[in-house]
Amino acid sequence: MSNIRAKYNATPPTVADTQWTDLQVDENGNLKTVDGSIADKWSYAAATGGIDNTTTAVTVKAAAAAGIKNYIETLQIAHATLGATTEFAIRDGAGGTVLWRTILHTTAIPTTTIVFDPPLSGTAATLLEVVTLTAVTGDVVVNLQGFTGP
């Protein structure tokens, strides 16, 4: 096992944001969580054609076990020319609380990467979903990466 020195971006209960702490990784470089377990990395790749002309949410990460949360570290989003402006949101649970949202204008955008630092955190044992809040023509493609942990 090796140690990596890292500065917290947010103040955890026992470490001030001006202090340093040791993060632990296993022999494969996987980050260990607070309770010593290995963070379970996950990723979601958009379906062919992405989200098109619907307000039906897409589950990007199933609910984790009791006491375990889903975290989102990065997101890539792109879209073709849209028939109208819409909002895009990441929600905590089916139809749940919006964790993050943005406006997608009608002009197509190339793949754009967004890094969540600190990661977005869902509620324990709850799925994560993405949704366009207005049904518009044009494909919205989104990919996400994250991990599970306490």
C-alpha atoms as a PDB file:
ATOM      1  CA  MET A   1       0.000   0.000   0.000  1.00  0.00           C
ATOM      2  CA  SER A   2       1.255   3.521  -0.773  1.00  0.00           C
ATOM      3  CA  ASN A   3       0.301   6.892   0.557  1.00  0.00           C
ATOM      4  CA  ILE A   4      -0.404  10.056  -1.424  1.00  0.00           C
ATOM      5  CA  ARG A   5      -0.419  13.521   0.118  1.00  0.00           C
ATOM      6  CA  ALA A   6      -3.439  15.550  -0.864  1.00  0.00           C
ATOM      7  CA  LYS A   7      -5.098  18.713   0.325  1.00  0.00           C
ATOM      8  CA  TYR A   8      -8.836  18.592   0.966  1.00  0.00           C
ATOM      9  CA  ASN A   9     -10.897  20.955  -1.171  1.00  0.00           C
ATOM     10  CA  ALA A  10     -13.728  20.922   1.344  1.00  0.00           C
ATOM     11  CA  THR A  11     -13.481  20.806   5.095  1.00  0.00           C
ATOM     12  CA  PRO A  12     -14.218  17.308   6.396  1.00  0.00           C
ATOM     13  CA  PRO A  13     -15.268  17.069  10.045  1.00  0.00           C
ATOM     14  CA  THR A  14     -11.793  16.306  11.375  1.00  0.00           C
ATOM     15  CA  VAL A  15      -9.458  18.133   8.964  1.00  0.00           C
ATOM     16  CA  ALA A  16      -9.378  21.884   8.370  1.00  0.00           C
ATOM     17  CA  ASP A  17      -8.988  22.990   4.752  1.00  0.00           C
ATOM     18  CA  THR A  18      -5.551  24.383   5.573  1.00  0.00           C
ATOM     19  CA  GLN A  19      -4.284  20.998   6.787  1.00  0.00           C
ATOM     20  CA  TRP A  20      -2.915  18.078   4.833  1.00  0.00           C
ATOM     21  CA  THR A  21      -3.804  14.437   5.279  1.00  0.00           C
ATOM     22  CA  ASP A  22      -2.614  11.142   3.856  1.00  0.00           C
ATOM     23  CA  LEU A  23      -4.879   9.381   1.367  1.00  0.00           C
ATOM     24  CA  GLN A  24      -4.342   5.668   1.016  1.00  0.00           C
ATOM     25  CA  VAL A  25      -4.379   3.630  -2.150  1.00  0.00           C
ATOM     26  CA  ASP A  26      -4.040  -0.096  -2.659  1.00  0.00           C
ATOM     27  CA  GLU A  27      -1.347  -1.795  -4.759  1.00  0.00           C
ATOM     28  CA  ASN A  28      -3.364  -1.066  -7.930  1.00  0.00           C
ATOM     29  CA  GLY A  29      -3.724   2.654  -7.207  1.00  0.00           C
ATOM     30  CA  ASN A  30      -7.387   2.436  -6.139  1.00  0.00           C
ATOM     31  CA  LEU A  31      -8.388   5.091  -3.615  1.00  0.00           C
ATOM     32  CA  LYS A  32      -9.394   3.755  -0.211  1.00  0.00           C
ATOM     33  CA  THR A  33     -12.433   5.327   1.420  1.00  0.00           C
ATOM     34  CA  VAL A  34     -12.733   6.643   4.977  1.00  0.00           C
ATOM     35  CA  ASP A  35     -13.770   3.233   6.328  1.00  0.00           C
ATOM     36  CA  GLY A  36     -10.790   1.555   4.587  1.00  0.00           C
ATOM     37  CA  SER A  37     -12.781  -0.058   1.778  1.00  0.00           C
ATOM     38  CA  ILE A  38     -11.737   0.398  -1.845  1.00  0.00           C
ATOM     39  CA  ALA A  39     -13.722   3.054  -3.717  1.00  0.00           C
ATOM     40  CA  ASP A  40     -15.749   1.266  -6.395  1.00  0.00           C
ATOM     41  CA  LYS A  41     -15.254   3.189  -9.643  1.00  0.00           C
ATOM     42  CA  TRP A  42     -18.104   3.272 -12.149  1.00  0.00           C
ATOM     43  CA  SER A  43     -18.847   4.882 -15.492  1.00  0.00           C
ATOM     44  CA  TYR A  44     -21.905   5.431 -17.645  1.00  0.00           C
ATOM     45  CA  ALA A  45     -21.804   5.722 -21.436  1.00  0.00           C
ATOM     46  CA  ALA A  46     -24.741   7.233 -23.297  1.00  0.00           C
ATOM     47  CA  ALA A  47     -27.010   4.988 -25.328  1.00  0.00           C
ATOM     48  CA  THR A  48     -26.753   5.220 -29.108  1.00  0.00           C
ATOM     49  CA  GLY A  49     -28.379   8.501 -30.160  1.00  0.00           C
ATOM     50  CA  GLY A  50     -28.390   9.814 -26.602  1.00  0.00           C
ATOM     51  CA  ILE A  51     -31.475  11.553 -25.198  1.00  0.00           C
ATOM     52  CA  ASP A  52     -33.764  12.778 -27.984  1.00  0.00           C
ATOM     53  CA  ASN A  53     -37.185  14.439 -27.773  1.00  0.00           C
ATOM     54  CA  THR A  54     -38.120  13.123 -24.330  1.00  0.00           C
ATOM     55  CA  THR A  55     -38.381  14.166 -20.700  1.00  0.00           C
ATOM     56  CA  THR A  56     -37.998  10.569 -19.534  1.00  0.00           C
ATOM     57  CA  ALA A  57     -35.086  10.344 -17.099  1.00  0.00           C
ATOM     58  CA  VAL A  58     -32.205   7.940 -17.709  1.00  0.00           C
ATOM     59  CA  THR A  59     -30.703   6.033 -14.771  1.00  0.00           C
ATOM     60  CA  VAL A  60     -26.915   6.443 -14.955  1.00  0.00           C
ATOM     61  CA  LYS A  61     -26.046   4.602 -11.716  1.00  0.00           C
ATOM     62  CA  ALA A  62     -28.236   2.143  -9.854  1.00  0.00           C
ATOM     63  CA  ALA A  63     -28.747   2.530  -6.117  1.00  0.00           C
ATOM     64  CA  ALA A  64     -25.787   1.334  -4.079  1.00  0.00           C
ATOM     65  CA  ALA A  65     -26.134  -0.825  -0.956  1.00  0.00           C
ATOM     66  CA  ALA A  66     -27.473   0.519   2.343  1.00  0.00           C
ATOM     67  CA  GLY A  67     -25.181   3.224   3.727  1.00  0.00           C
ATOM     68  CA  ILE A  68     -23.276   3.579   0.418  1.00  0.00           C
ATOM     69  CA  LYS A  69     -23.524   6.704  -1.756  1.00  0.00           C
ATOM     70  CA  ASN A  70     -22.951   7.245  -5.464  1.00  0.00           C
ATOM     71  CA  TYR A  71     -20.500  10.047  -6.299  1.00  0.00           C
ATOM     72  CA  ILE A  72     -19.975  11.776  -9.671  1.00  0.00           C
ATOM     73  CA  GLU A  73     -16.467  13.024 -10.445  1.00  0.00           C
ATOM     74  CA  THR A  74     -16.697  13.941 -14.134  1.00  0.00           C
ATOM     75  CA  LEU A  75     -19.260  14.394 -16.880  1.00  0.00           C
ATOM     76  CA  GLN A  76     -18.909  14.810 -20.640  1.00  0.00           C
ATOM     77  CA  ILE A  77     -21.803  16.346 -22.532  1.00  0.00           C
ATOM     78  CA  ALA A  78     -22.402  17.167 -26.193  1.00  0.00           C
ATOM     79  CA  HIS A  79     -25.492  17.830 -28.237  1.00  0.00           C
ATOM     80  CA  ALA A  80     -26.614  18.281 -31.817  1.00  0.00           C
ATOM     81  CA  THR A  81     -28.670  21.283 -32.892  1.00  0.00           C
ATOM     82  CA  LEU A  82     -31.710  21.288 -30.618  1.00  0.00           C
ATOM     83  CA  GLY A  83     -35.258  22.270 -31.599  1.00  0.00           C
ATOM     84  CA  ALA A  84     -35.491  24.507 -28.506  1.00  0.00           C
ATOM     85  CA  THR A  85     -33.551  25.446 -25.401  1.00  0.00           C
ATOM     86  CA  THR A  86     -33.855  22.943 -22.547  1.00  0.00           C
ATOM     87  CA  GLU A  87     -32.459  22.312 -19.111  1.00  0.00           C
ATOM     88  CA  PHE A  88     -30.331  19.282 -18.405  1.00  0.00           C
ATOM     89  CA  ALA A  89     -30.201  17.979 -14.834  1.00  0.00           C
ATOM     90  CA  ILE A  90     -28.580  15.313 -12.682  1.00  0.00           C
ATOM     91  CA  ARG A  91     -31.015  14.065 -10.046  1.00  0.00           C
ATOM     92  CA  ASP A  92     -30.615  12.168  -6.778  1.00  0.00           C
ATOM     93  CA  GLY A  93     -33.230   9.426  -7.014  1.00  0.00           C
ATOM     94  CA  ALA A  94     -36.065   8.813  -9.450  1.00  0.00           C
ATOM     95  CA  GLY A  95     -37.590  12.252  -9.967  1.00  0.00           C
ATOM     96  CA  GLY A  96     -35.559  13.355  -6.960  1.00  0.00           C
ATOM     97  CA  THR A  97     -33.605  16.391  -5.863  1.00  0.00           C
ATOM     98  CA  VAL A  98     -31.585  18.122  -8.572  1.00  0.00           C
ATOM     99  CA  LEU A  99     -27.875  17.870  -7.747  1.00  0.00           C
ATOM    100  CA  TRP A 100     -26.714  19.864 -10.787  1.00  0.00           C
ATOM    101  CA  ARG A 101     -28.310  21.535 -13.798  1.00  0.00           C
ATOM    102  CA  THR A 102     -27.381  23.538 -16.849  1.00  0.00           C
ATOM    103  CA  ILE A 103     -29.092  25.167 -19.825  1.00  0.00           C
ATOM    104  CA  LEU A 104     -28.610  23.609 -23.257  1.00  0.00           C
ATOM    105  CA  HIS A 105     -29.121  26.188 -25.998  1.00  0.00           C
ATOM    106  CA  THR A 106     -30.179  25.301 -29.535  1.00  0.00           C
ATOM    107  CA  THR A 107     -26.702  25.643 -31.077  1.00  0.00           C
ATOM    108  CA  ALA A 108     -24.844  22.312 -31.154  1.00  0.00           C
ATOM    109  CA  ILE A 109     -21.874  21.954 -28.789  1.00  0.00           C
ATOM    110  CA  PRO A 110     -18.880  19.628 -29.048  1.00  0.00           C
ATOM    111  CA  THR A 111     -18.040  17.297 -26.195  1.00  0.00           C
ATOM    112  CA  THR A 112     -17.407  19.355 -23.083  1.00  0.00           C
ATOM    113  CA  THR A 113     -15.931  17.890 -19.901  1.00  0.00           C
ATOM    114  CA  ILE A 114     -17.045  19.056 -16.472  1.00  0.00           C
ATOM    115  CA  VAL A 115     -15.112  18.075 -13.352  1.00  0.00           C
ATOM    116  CA  PHE A 116     -16.950  18.139 -10.028  1.00  0.00           C
ATOM    117  CA  ASP A 117     -14.440  19.071  -7.352  1.00  0.00           C
ATOM    118  CA  PRO A 118     -15.505  18.024  -4.801  1.00  0.00           C
ATOM    119  CA  PRO A 119     -17.521  15.198  -6.390  1.00  0.00           C
ATOM    120  CA  LEU A 120     -21.321  15.417  -6.458  1.00  0.00           C
ATOM    121  CA  SER A 121     -22.728  13.152  -3.761  1.00  0.00           C
ATOM    122  CA  GLY A 122     -26.019  11.321  -3.929  1.00  0.00           C
ATOM    123  CA  THR A 123     -27.998  10.009  -0.983  1.00  0.00           C
ATOM    124  CA  ALA A 124     -27.075   6.566   0.375  1.00  0.00           C
ATOM    125  CA  ALA A 125     -28.821   3.643  -1.355  1.00  0.00           C
ATOM    126  CA  THR A 126     -30.294   5.954  -4.041  1.00  0.00           C
ATOM    127  CA  LEU A 127     -29.921   5.872  -7.838  1.00  0.00           C
ATOM    128  CA  LEU A 128     -28.625   8.749  -9.959  1.00  0.00           C
ATOM    129  CA  GLU A 129     -30.372   9.880 -13.133  1.00  0.00           C
ATOM    130  CA  VAL A 130     -30.033  12.482 -15.884  1.00  0.00           C
ATOM    131  CA  VAL A 131     -32.893  14.187 -17.680  1.00  0.00           C
ATOM    132  CA  THR A 132     -33.740  16.875 -20.202  1.00  0.00           C
ATOM    133  CA  LEU A 133     -36.592  18.877 -18.715  1.00  0.00           C
ATOM    134  CA  THR A 134     -38.161  19.776 -22.077  1.00  0.00           C
ATOM    135  CA  ALA A 135     -38.710  17.307 -24.909  1.00  0.00           C
ATOM    136  CA  VAL A 136     -36.708  18.743 -27.804  1.00  0.00           C
ATOM    137  CA  THR A 137     -35.503  17.343 -31.097  1.00  0.00           C
ATOM    138  CA  GLY A 138     -31.754  16.806 -31.362  1.00  0.00           C
ATOM    139  CA  ASP A 139     -29.536  14.325 -29.546  1.00  0.00           C
ATOM    140  CA  VAL A 140     -28.030  15.053 -26.121  1.00  0.00           C
ATOM    141  CA  VAL A 141     -25.164  12.693 -25.305  1.00  0.00           C
ATOM    142  CA  VAL A 142     -23.833  12.456 -21.772  1.00  0.00           C
ATOM    143  CA  ASN A 143     -21.211  10.218 -20.142  1.00  0.00           C
ATOM    144  CA  LEU A 144     -20.404  10.167 -16.427  1.00  0.00           C
ATOM    145  CA  GLN A 145     -17.705   8.702 -14.191  1.00  0.00           C
ATOM    146  CA  GLY A 146     -17.655   8.328 -10.432  1.00  0.00           C
ATOM    147  CA  PHE A 147     -17.306   6.010  -7.479  1.00  0.00           C
ATOM    148  CA  THR A 148     -19.297   4.579  -4.587  1.00  0.00           C
ATOM    149  CA  GLY A 149     -18.421   4.945  -0.934  1.00  0.00           C
ATOM    150  CA  PRO A 150     -19.735   5.867   2.508  1.00  0.00           C
END
